[in-house]
């Protein structure tokens, strides 16, 4: 079988088209042009860690009009292996998904291993979480793995440090920039975009330094890593406000691993174009679903005889077909179908939210949309919701 990347060589290279900027807030709407199709932004990407979005198949994702999904380089390298995926025609052919795919570099997964890794300027040695075997990632090998996988967007190898430690973040930033330059030199696929990753923890000086240096290297897009790893929401928003005017306006900005409903609405207002997060699918498998008013735990006894859908105005298959009572029964009975039906709804909610955000930007009414959404949507922490709204209003006033 011909590797998928050979079939796509010579196709239109990756580009980003900035369509409109909301006049009041600066929120952005654009289009990512990739070898496997166009992706409207802002975009939420469901996570397919091991070449599958848990409990769904590609037909489900297509019916939800999912623009792009994310695969995990670390996990796919360990199992089934990049060589096998390449022999099977690349990740798109292997998993039967022919729309765009983004792969991360595995940097965060290696970071999360903590005591099972050793980092030096050449790369990182780590032990597999599966069998304890020893492996080595270098900038060149991570680029090669992602080229074998054949994703439309790939990430450089970076070092994600504990967010508070300024001294260590400064050293990790030096290493991340060194690795970014080596990744650029190693990258060869013309049909794959390689993004740089801005690091620096919660330290404004390091983040500004990182964004400036990586912009000088001319990547086709930029990710923001090392956030949502334990720091406060206020710190995350503060860093995004620092980065917004520094990062190249003509290039897409991808906030890695962030994607709750409130985060998408808040962070789009701070200049972000792309999101991914496991939250929607993980919550679904545990019986929690999204509604415009906030999360609902279908395990609760109050839904035992509830004849309504999860969300009255949702047109997803789950809401068109099943009651909350039935979904609760499946959850309590530990039926596999519960995970699938809840996941269909949660992804439908997130994808629709991204489309609604985009439309609000195009119509120059994102500020009103933002305030209205956060007033109605009750997060797990109401104080965080109020902080989100207040931070956004403060940044809007500062830019006026």
Foldseek 3Di string as FASTA:
>chain_A
DAAQLVVQAPPDFWAKAWDFAQPQQRQTWIWIQASLGIDIWLAEAEEPAQLHRPLDAQVLCVVLVHQEHEYELVNVCVPPHLVVCRVCRASCNVRVNRHAYEYEQCQVVQLVQPVQWDDDLQFMWGADPPPRDIDTDGQLVSLVSCVSNPGQEYETRAHQDAQPDQVVLVVRLVSLLSRVVVNVVNHDRRRHFYEREQYRRLDLVSSLVRQQSRVVVPGQAYEYDNPPPPDDPVSVLVNLLSCQVRHDPRHAYEYEADADLLCVLLVSSSPHIYYYHNVQLVVQLQQWAADLQEIDRLLDPVQLPFAAFPYNPQPFPRRVPGGSNVLNVCNVVVPSVSSNSRSSRSVSVRRVSRVVCSVCRVVSNSLVVSVVSLVRHCYPDNVSSVVSNVSSVVSSVVVD
